[in-house]
N, C-alpha and C. Protein backbone atom coordinates (compact mmCIF):
# COMPACT_ATOMS: atom_id res chain seq x y z
N MET A 1 47.99 15.15 -38.21
CA MET A 1 46.84 16.10 -37.82
C MET A 1 47.08 17.13 -39.72
N THR A 2 46.69 17.26 -40.39
CA THR A 2 46.42 18.47 -41.16
C THR A 2 45.66 19.31 -40.83
N ALA A 3 46.27 20.89 -41.14
CA ALA A 3 45.29 22.13 -41.04
C ALA A 3 45.47 22.98 -41.67
N PRO A 4 44.86 24.58 -41.48
CA PRO A 4 45.31 25.52 -42.00
C PRO A 4 46.57 25.52 -41.57
N GLU A 5 46.72 27.47 -42.56
CA GLU A 5 48.48 27.52 -42.17
C GLU A 5 48.21 28.67 -41.08
N GLY A 6 49.43 28.31 -40.38
CA GLY A 6 49.38 29.51 -39.30
C GLY A 6 50.17 30.63 -39.68
N ARG A 7 50.06 31.92 -38.95
CA ARG A 7 50.38 32.61 -38.23
C ARG A 7 51.62 33.01 -38.48
N GLY A 8 52.44 33.19 -37.25
CA GLY A 8 53.66 33.35 -37.25
C GLY A 8 54.27 34.58 -37.94
N ILE A 9 54.73 35.02 -38.78
CA ILE A 9 54.93 36.12 -39.49
C ILE A 9 53.93 36.45 -40.58
N ALA A 10 53.41 35.56 -40.97
CA ALA A 10 53.33 35.46 -42.53
C ALA A 10 51.92 34.93 -42.20
N GLY A 11 50.84 34.69 -42.59
CA GLY A 11 49.50 33.61 -43.08
C GLY A 11 48.46 33.47 -42.33
N ARG A 12 47.19 32.93 -41.88
CA ARG A 12 46.35 33.26 -41.69
C ARG A 12 46.29 33.62 -40.29
N HIS A 13 45.13 34.36 -39.75
CA HIS A 13 44.69 35.10 -38.05
C HIS A 13 44.11 34.73 -37.82
N ASP A 14 43.43 33.13 -38.10
CA ASP A 14 42.44 32.47 -37.56
C ASP A 14 43.41 31.79 -36.78
N THR A 15 44.33 31.02 -36.57
CA THR A 15 45.65 29.69 -36.36
C THR A 15 46.06 30.64 -35.36
N PHE A 16 46.76 29.41 -34.25
CA PHE A 16 47.87 29.58 -33.61
C PHE A 16 48.70 28.49 -33.15
N ARG A 17 49.58 28.42 -33.98
CA ARG A 17 50.40 27.26 -34.15
C ARG A 17 51.81 27.56 -32.82
N ILE A 18 52.32 25.83 -32.69
CA ILE A 18 52.76 25.73 -31.14
C ILE A 18 54.16 25.12 -32.59
N LEU A 19 55.11 25.00 -31.67
CA LEU A 19 56.33 24.34 -32.44
C LEU A 19 57.77 24.12 -31.50
N HIS A 20 57.45 22.55 -30.87
CA HIS A 20 58.46 22.23 -30.16
C HIS A 20 59.40 22.12 -31.37
N VAL A 21 60.41 22.41 -30.48
CA VAL A 21 61.55 21.80 -31.22
C VAL A 21 62.49 21.16 -30.03
N SER A 22 63.07 20.12 -29.96
CA SER A 22 64.47 19.35 -29.91
C SER A 22 65.91 18.91 -30.68
N THR A 23 66.47 18.07 -30.84
CA THR A 23 67.45 18.39 -31.49
C THR A 23 66.89 16.67 -32.25
N GLY A 24 66.67 15.18 -32.65
CA GLY A 24 66.38 14.74 -33.62
C GLY A 24 65.28 14.65 -33.92
N ASN A 25 63.46 15.38 -32.96
CA ASN A 25 62.50 14.77 -33.75
C ASN A 25 62.63 13.55 -33.19
N VAL A 26 62.63 12.63 -31.99
CA VAL A 26 62.11 11.27 -32.05
C VAL A 26 62.24 11.31 -29.69
N CYS A 27 62.09 11.99 -28.89
CA CYS A 27 62.27 11.98 -28.07
C CYS A 27 61.22 12.57 -27.77
N ARG A 28 61.92 14.50 -27.06
CA ARG A 28 61.73 15.34 -26.20
C ARG A 28 60.42 16.10 -27.14
N SER A 29 60.97 16.66 -28.45
CA SER A 29 59.66 17.18 -29.03
C SER A 29 58.20 16.43 -29.90
N PRO A 30 58.88 15.34 -29.61
CA PRO A 30 57.24 13.83 -29.56
C PRO A 30 57.21 14.15 -27.85
N ILE A 31 57.14 14.02 -27.11
CA ILE A 31 56.68 13.66 -26.66
C ILE A 31 55.80 15.03 -25.82
N THR A 32 56.38 16.54 -25.83
CA THR A 32 55.93 17.07 -26.08
C THR A 32 54.78 17.82 -27.28
N GLU A 33 55.53 17.16 -28.13
CA GLU A 33 53.67 18.26 -29.03
C GLU A 33 52.60 16.69 -28.32
N ARG A 34 53.12 15.46 -28.42
CA ARG A 34 51.20 15.35 -28.23
C ARG A 34 51.57 15.37 -26.70
N LEU A 35 51.60 15.23 -25.68
CA LEU A 35 50.91 15.49 -24.21
C LEU A 35 50.69 17.39 -24.78
N THR A 36 51.05 18.42 -25.36
CA THR A 36 50.49 19.58 -25.85
C THR A 36 48.63 18.95 -26.58
N ARG A 37 49.10 18.26 -27.69
CA ARG A 37 47.89 18.05 -28.16
C ARG A 37 46.63 17.27 -26.59
N HIS A 38 47.06 16.41 -26.08
CA HIS A 38 46.71 15.75 -25.43
C HIS A 38 45.77 16.56 -24.34
N ALA A 39 46.43 17.54 -24.00
CA ALA A 39 45.95 18.22 -22.74
C ALA A 39 45.14 19.17 -23.50
N LEU A 40 44.80 19.77 -24.71
CA LEU A 40 44.15 21.17 -25.53
C LEU A 40 42.79 20.17 -25.49
N VAL A 41 42.63 18.50 -25.81
CA VAL A 41 41.31 17.55 -25.78
C VAL A 41 40.42 18.20 -24.76
N GLY A 42 41.85 17.78 -23.40
CA GLY A 42 41.52 17.69 -22.74
C GLY A 42 40.13 18.93 -21.52
N ARG A 43 40.66 20.40 -22.14
CA ARG A 43 40.94 21.20 -21.78
C ARG A 43 39.42 22.28 -22.83
N LEU A 44 40.11 21.80 -24.50
CA LEU A 44 38.76 22.00 -25.32
C LEU A 44 38.01 21.26 -26.54
N GLY A 45 38.03 19.90 -26.41
CA GLY A 45 37.61 18.96 -26.62
C GLY A 45 37.94 18.52 -27.95
N ASP A 46 38.58 19.75 -29.32
CA ASP A 46 39.20 19.31 -30.83
C ASP A 46 40.03 20.97 -30.41
N PRO A 47 41.38 20.75 -30.37
CA PRO A 47 41.92 21.71 -30.19
C PRO A 47 41.72 22.57 -31.39
N LEU A 48 41.46 22.22 -32.98
CA LEU A 48 41.83 23.13 -34.16
C LEU A 48 40.23 23.28 -33.67
N SER A 49 38.91 23.24 -33.27
CA SER A 49 38.09 23.96 -33.54
C SER A 49 38.75 25.58 -32.76
N GLY A 50 39.83 25.12 -31.77
CA GLY A 50 40.50 26.74 -31.22
C GLY A 50 41.05 27.93 -32.13
N GLY A 51 41.20 26.35 -33.46
CA GLY A 51 42.90 27.83 -33.16
C GLY A 51 43.94 27.25 -33.76
N LEU A 52 43.90 25.64 -32.55
CA LEU A 52 45.48 25.95 -32.26
C LEU A 52 45.73 24.74 -32.61
N ILE A 53 47.15 25.15 -33.26
CA ILE A 53 47.91 23.92 -33.99
C ILE A 53 49.28 23.70 -33.40
N VAL A 54 49.14 22.53 -32.52
CA VAL A 54 50.41 22.15 -32.50
C VAL A 54 51.68 20.64 -33.72
N GLU A 55 53.03 20.72 -33.41
CA GLU A 55 54.26 20.41 -34.32
C GLU A 55 54.86 20.02 -33.41
N SER A 56 56.19 19.79 -34.45
CA SER A 56 57.15 19.61 -34.04
C SER A 56 58.53 18.98 -34.99
N ALA A 57 59.61 19.37 -34.61
CA ALA A 57 60.36 19.46 -35.55
C ALA A 57 62.19 19.34 -35.12
N GLY A 58 63.04 19.02 -35.41
CA GLY A 58 64.68 18.76 -35.01
C GLY A 58 65.39 19.70 -35.65
N THR A 59 66.07 20.17 -35.10
CA THR A 59 67.32 21.30 -35.34
C THR A 59 68.63 19.68 -35.90
N TRP A 60 68.64 18.32 -35.31
CA TRP A 60 68.94 17.27 -36.47
C TRP A 60 68.26 16.84 -36.67
N GLY A 61 66.32 17.00 -36.86
CA GLY A 61 66.11 15.83 -36.51
C GLY A 61 66.39 14.60 -38.05
N HIS A 62 65.26 13.75 -37.78
CA HIS A 62 65.64 12.77 -38.17
C HIS A 62 64.28 12.19 -39.48
N GLU A 63 64.45 12.95 -39.86
CA GLU A 63 63.09 13.01 -41.57
C GLU A 63 62.87 11.62 -42.13
N GLY A 64 60.99 11.85 -41.64
CA GLY A 64 60.57 10.51 -41.80
C GLY A 64 60.17 9.24 -40.45
N ALA A 65 61.16 9.69 -39.39
CA ALA A 65 61.71 8.46 -38.52
C ALA A 65 59.97 8.17 -37.06
N PRO A 66 59.91 7.45 -37.24
CA PRO A 66 58.76 7.21 -35.83
C PRO A 66 59.39 8.38 -34.32
N MET A 67 59.00 8.19 -33.64
CA MET A 67 59.85 8.38 -32.37
C MET A 67 59.79 7.45 -31.58
N GLU A 68 61.12 7.12 -30.82
CA GLU A 68 62.13 6.38 -30.16
C GLU A 68 60.93 5.64 -29.45
N ALA A 69 60.28 4.59 -29.17
CA ALA A 69 59.60 3.07 -28.84
C ALA A 69 59.56 3.68 -27.58
N ASN A 70 60.35 4.30 -25.69
CA ASN A 70 60.31 4.45 -25.13
C ASN A 70 59.99 5.91 -24.57
N ALA A 71 59.33 6.36 -26.45
CA ALA A 71 59.04 7.54 -26.13
C ALA A 71 57.51 7.98 -26.45
N GLU A 72 56.95 6.53 -26.65
CA GLU A 72 55.47 5.52 -27.26
C GLU A 72 55.66 5.40 -25.94
N VAL A 73 56.05 5.04 -25.53
CA VAL A 73 55.98 4.44 -23.68
C VAL A 73 55.08 5.29 -22.90
N VAL A 74 55.68 6.35 -22.92
CA VAL A 74 55.11 7.78 -21.91
C VAL A 74 54.32 8.42 -22.17
N LEU A 75 54.44 8.24 -23.38
CA LEU A 75 52.50 8.50 -24.15
C LEU A 75 51.39 7.58 -23.70
N ALA A 76 52.09 6.53 -23.85
CA ALA A 76 50.45 5.52 -23.02
C ALA A 76 50.80 5.21 -21.63
N ASP A 77 52.02 5.82 -21.68
CA ASP A 77 50.67 6.66 -19.30
C ASP A 77 50.27 8.33 -19.32
N PHE A 78 50.17 8.27 -20.18
CA PHE A 78 49.58 9.20 -19.93
C PHE A 78 47.86 9.43 -20.82
N GLY A 79 48.18 8.28 -21.06
CA GLY A 79 46.52 7.95 -22.49
C GLY A 79 46.88 8.96 -23.94
N ALA A 80 48.58 9.61 -23.49
CA ALA A 80 48.28 9.94 -25.15
C ALA A 80 48.14 9.52 -26.05
N ASP A 81 47.93 9.86 -27.38
CA ASP A 81 48.12 9.33 -28.82
C ASP A 81 49.16 9.42 -29.84
N ALA A 82 49.79 8.45 -30.10
CA ALA A 82 51.56 8.65 -30.26
C ALA A 82 51.22 7.58 -32.02
N THR A 83 50.67 8.07 -32.41
CA THR A 83 50.21 6.92 -33.05
C THR A 83 50.25 7.57 -34.50
N GLY A 84 50.59 7.79 -35.32
CA GLY A 84 50.98 8.62 -37.14
C GLY A 84 52.18 9.55 -37.03
N PHE A 85 52.75 9.50 -35.88
CA PHE A 85 53.85 10.20 -36.14
C PHE A 85 54.92 10.12 -37.40
N VAL A 86 55.59 10.89 -37.57
CA VAL A 86 56.58 10.93 -38.15
C VAL A 86 57.50 11.95 -37.99
N GLY A 87 59.23 12.51 -38.14
CA GLY A 87 60.27 13.25 -37.43
C GLY A 87 60.34 13.86 -38.59
N ARG A 88 60.63 15.20 -37.56
CA ARG A 88 61.63 16.27 -39.33
C ARG A 88 62.29 16.64 -39.37
N GLU A 89 62.60 17.48 -40.12
CA GLU A 89 64.11 18.22 -39.99
C GLU A 89 63.83 19.95 -40.15
N LEU A 90 64.34 20.17 -38.90
CA LEU A 90 63.64 21.91 -38.76
C LEU A 90 63.44 22.61 -40.22
N LEU A 91 62.36 23.95 -41.04
CA LEU A 91 62.43 23.66 -41.67
C LEU A 91 63.13 25.74 -41.90
N ASP A 92 62.92 26.09 -42.04
CA ASP A 92 62.37 27.69 -41.79
C ASP A 92 60.63 27.82 -42.41
N GLU A 93 60.65 27.23 -43.07
CA GLU A 93 59.22 27.42 -43.05
C GLU A 93 58.51 27.49 -41.73
N HIS A 94 58.95 26.05 -40.81
CA HIS A 94 58.03 25.79 -40.26
C HIS A 94 58.30 27.09 -39.23
N VAL A 95 59.56 27.67 -38.73
CA VAL A 95 59.90 28.61 -38.34
C VAL A 95 58.63 30.01 -38.27
N ILE A 96 58.64 29.94 -39.74
CA ILE A 96 58.04 31.50 -40.29
C ILE A 96 56.49 31.05 -40.08
N ARG A 97 56.08 30.42 -39.85
CA ARG A 97 54.20 29.81 -39.24
C ARG A 97 54.37 29.22 -38.37
N ALA A 98 55.32 29.41 -37.12
CA ALA A 98 55.62 29.15 -36.26
C ALA A 98 54.59 30.59 -35.05
N ASP A 99 53.96 30.70 -33.97
CA ASP A 99 53.43 31.62 -33.30
C ASP A 99 53.99 31.80 -31.82
N LEU A 100 54.33 30.19 -31.63
CA LEU A 100 55.21 30.22 -30.62
C LEU A 100 56.34 28.96 -30.93
N VAL A 101 57.95 28.88 -30.48
CA VAL A 101 58.13 28.19 -30.66
C VAL A 101 58.83 28.48 -29.39
N LEU A 102 58.65 26.53 -28.66
CA LEU A 102 59.04 25.72 -27.55
C LEU A 102 60.00 25.26 -27.84
N THR A 103 60.78 25.82 -27.59
CA THR A 103 62.99 24.40 -27.40
C THR A 103 62.78 23.35 -26.44
N ALA A 104 63.13 22.42 -26.58
CA ALA A 104 64.05 21.49 -25.14
C ALA A 104 64.90 22.00 -24.37
N THR A 105 65.94 22.90 -24.57
CA THR A 105 67.07 23.50 -24.32
C THR A 105 67.56 24.80 -24.64
N ARG A 106 68.51 26.16 -23.92
CA ARG A 106 69.12 26.93 -24.78
C ARG A 106 69.45 27.12 -25.83
N ASP A 107 70.23 26.20 -26.31
CA ASP A 107 70.92 26.32 -27.79
C ASP A 107 70.01 25.78 -28.57
N HIS A 108 68.76 24.86 -28.32
CA HIS A 108 67.56 25.41 -29.66
C HIS A 108 67.30 26.63 -30.00
N ARG A 109 66.95 26.49 -28.68
CA ARG A 109 66.76 28.07 -28.48
C ARG A 109 67.71 29.25 -29.03
N ALA A 110 68.69 28.97 -29.19
CA ALA A 110 69.73 29.91 -30.12
C ALA A 110 69.44 29.12 -31.34
N GLN A 111 69.56 28.13 -31.67
CA GLN A 111 69.39 27.85 -32.75
C GLN A 111 68.28 28.52 -33.89
N VAL A 112 67.36 28.27 -33.01
CA VAL A 112 66.41 28.57 -34.16
C VAL A 112 65.88 30.41 -34.54
N ILE A 113 66.09 31.08 -32.94
CA ILE A 113 66.40 32.55 -33.13
C ILE A 113 67.57 32.63 -34.45
N SER A 114 68.77 31.94 -34.25
CA SER A 114 69.90 32.23 -35.56
C SER A 114 68.91 32.35 -36.83
N MET A 115 68.08 31.35 -36.28
CA MET A 115 67.50 31.08 -38.38
C MET A 115 66.96 32.33 -38.70
N GLY A 116 66.59 33.45 -37.90
CA GLY A 116 66.19 34.44 -38.50
C GLY A 116 64.41 34.97 -38.25
N HIS A 117 64.13 35.40 -39.07
CA HIS A 117 62.72 35.15 -39.13
C HIS A 117 62.44 36.51 -37.80
N SER A 118 62.24 36.77 -37.20
CA SER A 118 62.11 37.72 -36.50
C SER A 118 61.28 36.76 -35.08
N ALA A 119 62.31 35.60 -35.15
CA ALA A 119 62.05 34.57 -34.57
C ALA A 119 62.24 35.31 -32.82
N GLY A 120 63.32 35.85 -32.35
CA GLY A 120 63.46 36.23 -30.98
C GLY A 120 62.15 36.26 -29.62
N LEU A 121 60.97 36.79 -30.93
CA LEU A 121 59.92 37.62 -28.65
C LEU A 121 58.97 36.00 -29.69
N ARG A 122 58.73 35.43 -30.14
CA ARG A 122 58.32 33.99 -29.71
C ARG A 122 59.12 32.61 -29.72
N THR A 123 60.21 32.85 -29.62
CA THR A 123 60.92 31.91 -29.32
C THR A 123 61.61 31.08 -27.87
N PHE A 124 60.97 31.02 -26.96
CA PHE A 124 61.36 29.95 -26.04
C PHE A 124 62.08 29.09 -24.71
N THR A 125 62.50 28.52 -23.99
CA THR A 125 62.90 27.16 -24.09
C THR A 125 61.26 26.40 -23.03
N LEU A 126 60.83 25.20 -23.58
CA LEU A 126 59.91 25.71 -22.59
C LEU A 126 59.68 25.50 -20.90
N LYS A 127 60.34 25.35 -20.01
CA LYS A 127 60.81 25.63 -18.97
C LYS A 127 60.87 26.84 -18.83
N GLU A 128 61.43 27.62 -19.97
CA GLU A 128 61.42 29.31 -19.50
C GLU A 128 60.26 29.75 -19.87
N PHE A 129 59.70 29.42 -20.75
CA PHE A 129 58.08 29.95 -20.47
C PHE A 129 57.03 29.45 -19.59
N THR A 130 57.08 28.27 -19.75
CA THR A 130 56.43 28.11 -18.14
C THR A 130 56.38 29.20 -17.08
N ARG A 131 58.08 29.53 -16.45
CA ARG A 131 57.97 30.27 -14.90
C ARG A 131 57.84 31.88 -16.03
N LEU A 132 57.79 32.48 -16.91
CA LEU A 132 57.40 33.67 -17.65
C LEU A 132 56.02 33.33 -17.49
N VAL A 133 54.65 32.78 -17.50
CA VAL A 133 53.16 31.68 -17.90
C VAL A 133 52.63 31.98 -16.80
N ARG A 134 53.64 31.55 -15.27
CA ARG A 134 52.76 32.35 -14.19
C ARG A 134 53.18 32.49 -12.88
N ALA A 135 53.99 34.10 -13.70
CA ALA A 135 54.71 35.66 -13.32
C ALA A 135 53.45 36.27 -14.26
N ILE A 136 52.69 35.70 -14.95
CA ILE A 136 51.46 36.64 -15.90
C ILE A 136 49.80 36.64 -15.00
N ASP A 137 49.44 37.36 -15.32
CA ASP A 137 47.81 37.46 -14.89
C ASP A 137 46.99 37.08 -15.03
N PRO A 138 46.80 35.83 -15.27
CA PRO A 138 45.60 35.67 -16.15
C PRO A 138 44.31 36.88 -16.03
N ALA A 139 44.15 37.61 -15.41
CA ALA A 139 43.17 38.84 -15.63
C ALA A 139 43.10 39.81 -16.31
N THR A 140 44.03 39.64 -17.09
CA THR A 140 45.65 40.77 -18.07
C THR A 140 45.52 40.21 -19.65
N LEU A 141 44.60 38.90 -19.74
CA LEU A 141 44.95 38.61 -21.08
C LEU A 141 42.90 38.39 -21.26
N PRO A 142 43.50 38.75 -22.74
CA PRO A 142 40.87 38.45 -23.10
C PRO A 142 40.85 36.78 -22.63
N ASP A 143 39.86 37.10 -22.76
CA ASP A 143 39.10 35.87 -22.17
C ASP A 143 38.51 35.62 -23.37
N ALA A 144 38.92 33.70 -23.07
CA ALA A 144 39.13 32.82 -24.73
C ALA A 144 37.60 32.76 -25.44
N ARG A 145 36.73 32.68 -24.36
CA ARG A 145 35.12 33.02 -24.29
C ARG A 145 35.03 34.02 -25.11
N GLU A 146 35.25 34.96 -25.74
CA GLU A 146 34.93 35.97 -25.61
C GLU A 146 35.68 36.20 -27.24
N GLU A 147 36.82 36.19 -26.73
CA GLU A 147 37.38 36.73 -27.69
C GLU A 147 38.15 35.86 -28.28
N GLY A 148 37.98 34.57 -28.19
CA GLY A 148 38.51 33.14 -29.00
C GLY A 148 40.19 32.90 -28.12
N VAL A 149 41.15 31.91 -28.33
CA VAL A 149 41.58 30.68 -27.42
C VAL A 149 43.33 31.92 -28.67
N VAL A 150 42.81 32.00 -29.83
CA VAL A 150 43.53 32.48 -30.68
C VAL A 150 45.10 34.08 -30.32
N GLU A 151 43.39 34.64 -29.72
CA GLU A 151 44.22 36.27 -29.86
C GLU A 151 44.39 35.75 -28.06
N ARG A 152 44.00 34.90 -27.44
CA ARG A 152 44.63 34.92 -25.90
C ARG A 152 45.50 34.01 -26.17
N ALA A 153 46.10 33.45 -26.91
CA ALA A 153 47.26 32.86 -26.67
C ALA A 153 48.24 33.83 -27.70
N ARG A 154 47.92 34.71 -28.14
CA ARG A 154 48.93 35.41 -28.88
C ARG A 154 49.61 36.61 -27.99
N ALA A 155 48.49 37.78 -27.31
CA ALA A 155 48.03 37.81 -25.92
C ALA A 155 49.59 37.47 -24.30
N LEU A 156 49.51 36.16 -24.27
CA LEU A 156 50.76 35.32 -23.54
C LEU A 156 51.75 35.69 -24.21
N VAL A 157 51.87 35.23 -25.19
CA VAL A 157 53.47 35.03 -26.02
C VAL A 157 53.45 36.92 -26.33
N ARG A 158 53.24 37.87 -26.13
CA ARG A 158 53.90 39.33 -25.76
C ARG A 158 53.65 39.36 -24.19
N ALA A 159 53.36 38.77 -22.98
CA ALA A 159 53.34 39.66 -22.42
C ALA A 159 55.17 38.73 -21.55
N ALA A 160 55.01 37.56 -22.01
CA ALA A 160 55.13 36.46 -21.85
C ALA A 160 57.10 36.96 -22.22
N ALA A 161 57.35 37.28 -23.63
CA ALA A 161 58.62 38.67 -24.08
C ALA A 161 59.04 39.40 -23.27
N ALA A 162 58.26 40.38 -23.24
CA ALA A 162 58.57 41.92 -22.26
C ALA A 162 58.47 40.89 -20.55
N LEU A 163 57.93 39.67 -20.75
CA LEU A 163 58.86 39.83 -18.97
C LEU A 163 60.47 39.44 -18.76
N ARG A 164 61.10 38.87 -19.72
CA ARG A 164 62.03 37.77 -19.91
C ARG A 164 63.16 38.26 -19.56
N GLY A 165 63.65 39.69 -19.42
CA GLY A 165 64.31 40.15 -19.35
C GLY A 165 64.43 40.82 -17.49
N TRP A 166 63.05 40.59 -16.86
CA TRP A 166 63.40 41.00 -15.93
C TRP A 166 62.50 39.36 -15.08
N LEU A 167 62.77 37.77 -15.31
CA LEU A 167 62.16 37.44 -14.81
C LEU A 167 63.66 36.12 -14.77
N LEU A 168 64.39 36.04 -14.66
CA LEU A 168 65.82 35.00 -14.86
C LEU A 168 65.60 33.84 -14.50
N ALA A 169 66.23 32.96 -14.96
CA ALA A 169 65.83 31.74 -14.19
C ALA A 169 67.02 31.43 -13.55
N PRO A 170 66.86 30.85 -11.98
CA PRO A 170 67.51 30.53 -10.23
C PRO A 170 68.99 30.06 -11.09
N THR A 171 68.99 29.18 -12.59
CA THR A 171 69.99 27.89 -13.39
C THR A 171 69.90 28.64 -14.22
N ALA A 172 71.52 28.19 -15.17
CA ALA A 172 70.68 27.97 -16.23
C ALA A 172 70.09 26.52 -16.40
N GLU A 173 70.24 25.64 -15.97
CA GLU A 173 70.10 24.30 -15.57
C GLU A 173 68.70 24.20 -15.82
N ALA A 174 67.84 25.04 -15.06
CA ALA A 174 66.90 25.74 -14.75
C ALA A 174 65.82 25.26 -15.62
N ASP A 175 65.95 26.23 -17.80
CA ASP A 175 65.48 25.82 -18.17
C ASP A 175 65.97 24.59 -19.51
N GLU A 176 66.11 23.65 -18.90
CA GLU A 176 66.93 22.52 -19.79
C GLU A 176 65.79 21.40 -19.61
N VAL A 177 65.46 21.02 -20.78
CA VAL A 177 65.18 19.86 -20.53
C VAL A 177 65.99 18.91 -21.00
N TYR A 178 66.11 17.61 -20.18
CA TYR A 178 67.60 16.78 -20.50
C TYR A 178 67.00 15.90 -21.81
N ASP A 179 68.23 14.99 -22.77
CA ASP A 179 67.73 14.64 -23.94
C ASP A 179 67.51 12.88 -23.18
N PRO A 180 66.99 11.96 -23.32
CA PRO A 180 66.93 10.60 -22.69
C PRO A 180 66.76 9.97 -23.69
N TYR A 181 67.68 10.46 -25.30
CA TYR A 181 68.04 8.86 -25.65
C TYR A 181 68.92 8.42 -25.46
N GLY A 182 68.61 6.51 -26.27
CA GLY A 182 69.49 6.35 -25.77
C GLY A 182 69.25 5.36 -24.44
N ALA A 183 68.21 5.98 -23.06
CA ALA A 183 68.54 5.54 -21.98
C ALA A 183 67.44 5.16 -21.51
N PRO A 184 67.12 4.19 -20.35
CA PRO A 184 66.37 3.23 -20.31
C PRO A 184 65.14 3.72 -20.10
N ILE A 185 63.92 3.80 -19.61
CA ILE A 185 62.59 3.68 -20.24
C ILE A 185 62.23 4.59 -18.14
N THR A 186 62.99 4.04 -17.41
CA THR A 186 62.92 4.79 -16.34
C THR A 186 63.03 6.92 -15.98
N PHE A 187 64.10 6.90 -17.13
CA PHE A 187 64.81 8.74 -16.97
C PHE A 187 63.63 8.75 -17.68
N PHE A 188 62.93 8.21 -19.24
CA PHE A 188 62.58 8.38 -20.10
C PHE A 188 60.95 8.68 -19.23
N ARG A 189 60.60 7.76 -18.19
CA ARG A 189 59.09 8.31 -17.20
C ARG A 189 59.29 9.87 -16.93
N SER A 190 60.68 10.14 -16.65
CA SER A 190 60.85 11.63 -15.90
C SER A 190 61.11 12.70 -16.45
N ILE A 191 61.63 12.38 -17.80
CA ILE A 191 61.64 13.15 -18.83
C ILE A 191 60.32 13.24 -19.12
N GLY A 192 59.23 13.04 -18.75
CA GLY A 192 58.31 12.82 -19.77
C GLY A 192 56.87 13.60 -18.30
N ASP A 193 57.62 13.12 -17.50
CA ASP A 193 56.99 13.84 -15.93
C ASP A 193 57.93 15.09 -15.43
N GLU A 194 58.37 15.73 -15.90
CA GLU A 194 59.10 17.03 -16.43
C GLU A 194 58.42 17.43 -17.47
N ILE A 195 57.96 17.18 -18.82
CA ILE A 195 57.44 18.18 -19.41
C ILE A 195 56.33 18.22 -19.56
N ASN A 196 55.55 16.98 -18.87
CA ASN A 196 53.61 17.55 -18.36
C ASN A 196 53.92 18.60 -17.66
N GLN A 197 54.81 18.39 -16.54
CA GLN A 197 54.65 18.90 -15.37
C GLN A 197 54.06 21.03 -15.78
N ALA A 198 55.88 20.72 -16.65
CA ALA A 198 55.75 21.85 -17.55
C ALA A 198 55.16 22.61 -18.38
N LEU A 199 53.56 21.69 -18.89
CA LEU A 199 53.23 22.30 -19.96
C LEU A 199 51.84 22.52 -19.03
N ASP A 200 51.37 21.66 -18.34
CA ASP A 200 50.19 21.95 -17.28
C ASP A 200 49.66 23.39 -17.22
N PRO A 201 50.35 24.20 -16.71
CA PRO A 201 50.13 26.00 -16.83
C PRO A 201 50.14 26.33 -18.10
N VAL A 202 50.87 25.85 -18.58
CA VAL A 202 51.47 26.76 -20.27
C VAL A 202 49.38 26.47 -21.25
N VAL A 203 48.88 25.04 -20.86
CA VAL A 203 48.27 25.11 -21.78
C VAL A 203 46.92 25.85 -20.63
N THR A 204 46.77 26.34 -19.70
CA THR A 204 45.96 26.03 -18.53
C THR A 204 45.69 28.20 -18.95
N ALA A 205 47.44 28.25 -19.42
CA ALA A 205 46.97 30.00 -19.40
C ALA A 205 46.89 30.27 -21.42
N LEU A 206 47.43 29.26 -21.81
CA LEU A 206 46.31 29.74 -23.31
C LEU A 206 44.85 29.70 -23.71
N THR A 207 44.06 28.91 -22.62
CA THR A 207 43.23 28.21 -22.73
C THR A 207 41.96 29.37 -22.24
N GLY A 208 42.94 29.10 -20.99
CA GLY A 208 42.05 29.49 -20.14
C GLY A 208 41.75 28.52 -19.26
N VAL A 209 41.41 27.37 -19.56
CA VAL A 209 40.77 26.11 -19.16
C VAL A 209 41.90 25.52 -18.26
N ARG A 210 41.72 25.07 -16.59
CA ARG A 210 42.02 24.24 -16.01
C ARG A 210 42.21 23.29 -16.49
N ASP A 211 43.02 22.04 -15.76
CA ASP A 211 42.99 20.65 -16.36
C ASP A 211 41.90 19.91 -15.87
N PRO A 212 40.47 19.64 -16.38
CA PRO A 212 39.96 18.69 -15.68
C PRO A 212 39.62 17.18 -14.68
N HIS A 213 40.92 17.86 -14.64
CA HIS A 213 41.66 16.13 -13.79
C HIS A 213 41.38 16.34 -12.39
């Protein structure tokens, strides 16, 4: 998917770029990227028309690699599109351009933040962000129909960042999505379900539109 420059800490102001990060960028982050896109299409028709751009990369990314075959199977289970995916190593430019970085684990989050670029306030683990989003009253966010999805998404990130110190995880493991690399398809499917469940309230909060199914 080609798309215009994102905002991040510098760039266009009419787009909102979501970056999913895992280790190799062949399992978790590709699944999360493509499930996010699939969910956005279900709510908005065309996410790009609302200004939302979804990408992924890996802290030890397999540059140019396809996603794992089991990851493709998981996406097919959800009706999501796996075609055209190419693995990427996480670079400074990806973090700079991202308005929201969602990582698989706390270690990934720490690695992104350590890169600098004022990433701390816009970088969360996926499950951490889900927990924070659930605590935010949707009525306090801009109406996407009136002010646009991009403005709503920016406000959501600010609200989540403000809550982070007050709404802690029940356990350290609660914010982790474990790596299925090399595991059987049954484990991949359980990780896919986990990711999908975490994404649903996030996409609803970003767009102001509930899952139509």
